[in-house]
Amino acid sequence: AWTGEIHGRVVCDVCGDSSIGPEDHILEGAEVAVLCITKSGEVLNYQAFTNAKGIYTVAETMPESDRWDACLARPISSFHEHCTHHGDASAAVKFSYNHPSGYSHTVRPFLYRPVNVPMYC
């Protein structure tokens, strides 16, 4: 059997500068969708939510012949009351999944921004 794992973080980009700094914070409960195409052509949809550390994880064990070939991860929503706008218009991340069994693929952090940037930024 083959096991694949995808994980990443969702962060509130408080200053809206597209970089993660000390003023930014993780978003717990943010929703992420991951769509994967297997080597046999099957399309698999996954839904994940971030934990208390802002990390989401998708994992599955399947026959080697059906393993993931390519995936697309994209943020769906943030339930944080002040940080709900996508920080990047093209926030989806496409990638080939060519890791051996047991190795994970880390997706770059997804950023959300507050409606109004704080004065201290």
Protein backbone atom coordinates (compact mmCIF):
# COMPACT_ATOMS: atom_id res chain seq x y z
CA ALA A 1 0.00 0.00 0.00
CA TRP A 2 1.02 3.62 -0.57
CA THR A 3 0.34 6.47 1.87
CA GLY A 4 0.32 10.11 0.84
CA GLU A 5 -0.01 13.22 3.01
CA ILE A 6 -0.47 16.90 2.23
CA HIS A 7 -0.32 19.62 4.84
CA GLY A 8 -0.01 23.37 5.09
CA ARG A 9 -0.91 26.39 7.20
CA VAL A 10 -3.45 29.18 7.00
CA VAL A 11 -2.34 32.55 8.37
CA CYS A 12 -3.90 35.97 8.93
CA ASP A 13 -1.60 38.43 7.11
CA VAL A 14 -2.46 41.31 9.46
CA CYS A 15 -0.47 43.99 7.56
CA GLY A 16 -1.43 42.69 4.11
CA ASP A 17 2.21 42.63 2.98
CA SER A 18 2.16 39.02 1.68
CA SER A 19 4.84 37.97 4.14
CA ILE A 20 4.54 36.25 7.49
CA GLY A 21 5.87 38.33 10.38
CA PRO A 22 5.54 38.54 14.16
CA GLU A 23 2.28 40.53 13.93
CA ASP A 24 0.56 37.79 11.89
CA HIS A 25 -1.31 34.90 13.49
CA ILE A 26 -2.57 31.47 12.52
CA LEU A 27 -6.22 30.86 11.70
CA GLU A 28 -7.86 27.96 13.49
CA GLY A 29 -10.89 26.42 11.76
CA ALA A 30 -10.07 27.71 8.27
CA GLU A 31 -11.36 25.43 5.51
CA VAL A 32 -9.13 24.10 2.71
CA ALA A 33 -10.11 21.95 -0.27
CA VAL A 34 -7.66 19.52 -1.86
CA LEU A 35 -8.41 17.83 -5.18
CA CYS A 36 -6.12 15.02 -6.34
CA ILE A 37 -6.00 12.99 -9.55
CA THR A 38 -4.69 9.46 -9.16
CA LYS A 39 -2.40 7.66 -11.60
CA SER A 40 -5.45 5.64 -12.69
CA GLY A 41 -7.37 8.87 -13.50
CA GLU A 42 -9.75 8.95 -10.54
CA VAL A 43 -10.51 12.38 -9.06
CA LEU A 44 -10.54 12.56 -5.26
CA ASN A 45 -11.87 15.54 -3.30
CA TYR A 46 -10.80 16.22 0.28
CA GLN A 47 -11.94 18.83 2.79
CA ALA A 48 -9.76 19.84 5.72
CA PHE A 49 -9.91 22.36 8.56
CA THR A 50 -6.97 23.94 10.36
CA ASN A 51 -6.22 22.94 13.93
CA ALA A 52 -5.20 25.15 16.87
CA LYS A 53 -1.78 25.61 15.24
CA GLY A 54 -3.29 26.70 11.90
CA ILE A 55 -2.27 23.44 10.20
CA TYR A 56 -4.48 21.30 7.95
CA THR A 57 -3.67 17.75 6.87
CA VAL A 58 -5.02 15.42 4.20
CA ALA A 59 -3.79 11.82 4.16
CA GLU A 60 -4.83 8.58 2.52
CA THR A 61 -3.53 5.05 2.07
CA MET A 62 -4.28 3.32 -1.22
CA PRO A 63 -2.82 0.76 -3.63
CA GLU A 64 0.43 1.92 -5.26
CA SER A 65 -1.22 1.73 -8.70
CA ASP A 66 -3.89 4.25 -7.60
CA ARG A 67 -1.61 6.74 -5.83
CA TRP A 68 -1.95 10.50 -6.29
CA ASP A 69 -0.37 11.91 -9.44
CA ALA A 70 -1.23 15.62 -9.17
CA CYS A 71 -3.12 17.75 -6.67
CA LEU A 72 -4.61 21.21 -6.27
CA ALA A 73 -5.01 22.83 -2.86
CA ARG A 74 -7.04 25.99 -2.32
CA PRO A 75 -8.43 27.89 0.64
CA ILE A 76 -12.23 27.90 0.91
CA SER A 77 -13.07 30.09 3.90
CA SER A 78 -11.84 31.62 7.11
CA PHE A 79 -14.21 31.75 10.05
CA HIS A 80 -12.17 34.40 11.85
CA GLU A 81 -14.35 37.49 12.34
CA HIS A 82 -11.64 39.99 11.32
CA CYS A 83 -9.55 38.06 8.78
CA THR A 84 -11.79 36.79 5.98
CA HIS A 85 -10.43 38.14 2.66
CA HIS A 86 -8.11 35.99 0.53
CA GLY A 87 -4.67 37.53 0.52
CA ASP A 88 -3.91 36.34 -3.00
CA ALA A 89 -6.35 36.30 -5.90
CA SER A 90 -4.73 33.16 -7.32
CA ALA A 91 -4.42 31.36 -3.99
CA ALA A 92 -4.72 27.82 -5.40
CA VAL A 93 -1.54 25.72 -5.50
CA LYS A 94 -1.11 23.00 -8.17
CA PHE A 95 1.61 20.41 -7.77
CA SER A 96 2.71 16.98 -8.91
CA TYR A 97 2.71 14.44 -6.12
CA ASN A 98 5.81 12.35 -6.67
CA HIS A 99 6.76 11.50 -3.08
CA PRO A 100 7.28 7.88 -2.04
CA SER A 101 4.95 6.31 0.50
CA GLY A 102 5.09 7.93 3.91
CA TYR A 103 6.52 11.28 2.77
CA SER A 104 4.38 14.39 2.89
CA HIS A 105 4.06 17.40 0.59
CA THR A 106 4.02 20.78 2.31
CA VAL A 107 1.92 23.48 0.64
CA ARG A 108 2.98 27.11 1.10
CA PRO A 109 0.85 29.00 3.64
CA PHE A 110 -2.47 30.43 2.50
CA LEU A 111 -2.95 34.04 3.58
CA TYR A 112 -6.09 35.88 4.56
CA ARG A 113 -6.20 39.62 5.22
CA PRO A 114 -8.32 41.77 7.51
CA VAL A 115 -10.80 44.22 5.98
CA ASN A 116 -8.84 47.16 7.43
CA VAL A 117 -5.07 47.13 7.92
CA PRO A 118 -4.13 48.14 11.49
CA MET A 119 -2.43 51.51 12.04
CA TYR A 120 0.78 49.95 13.40
CA CYS A 121 1.62 48.24 10.10
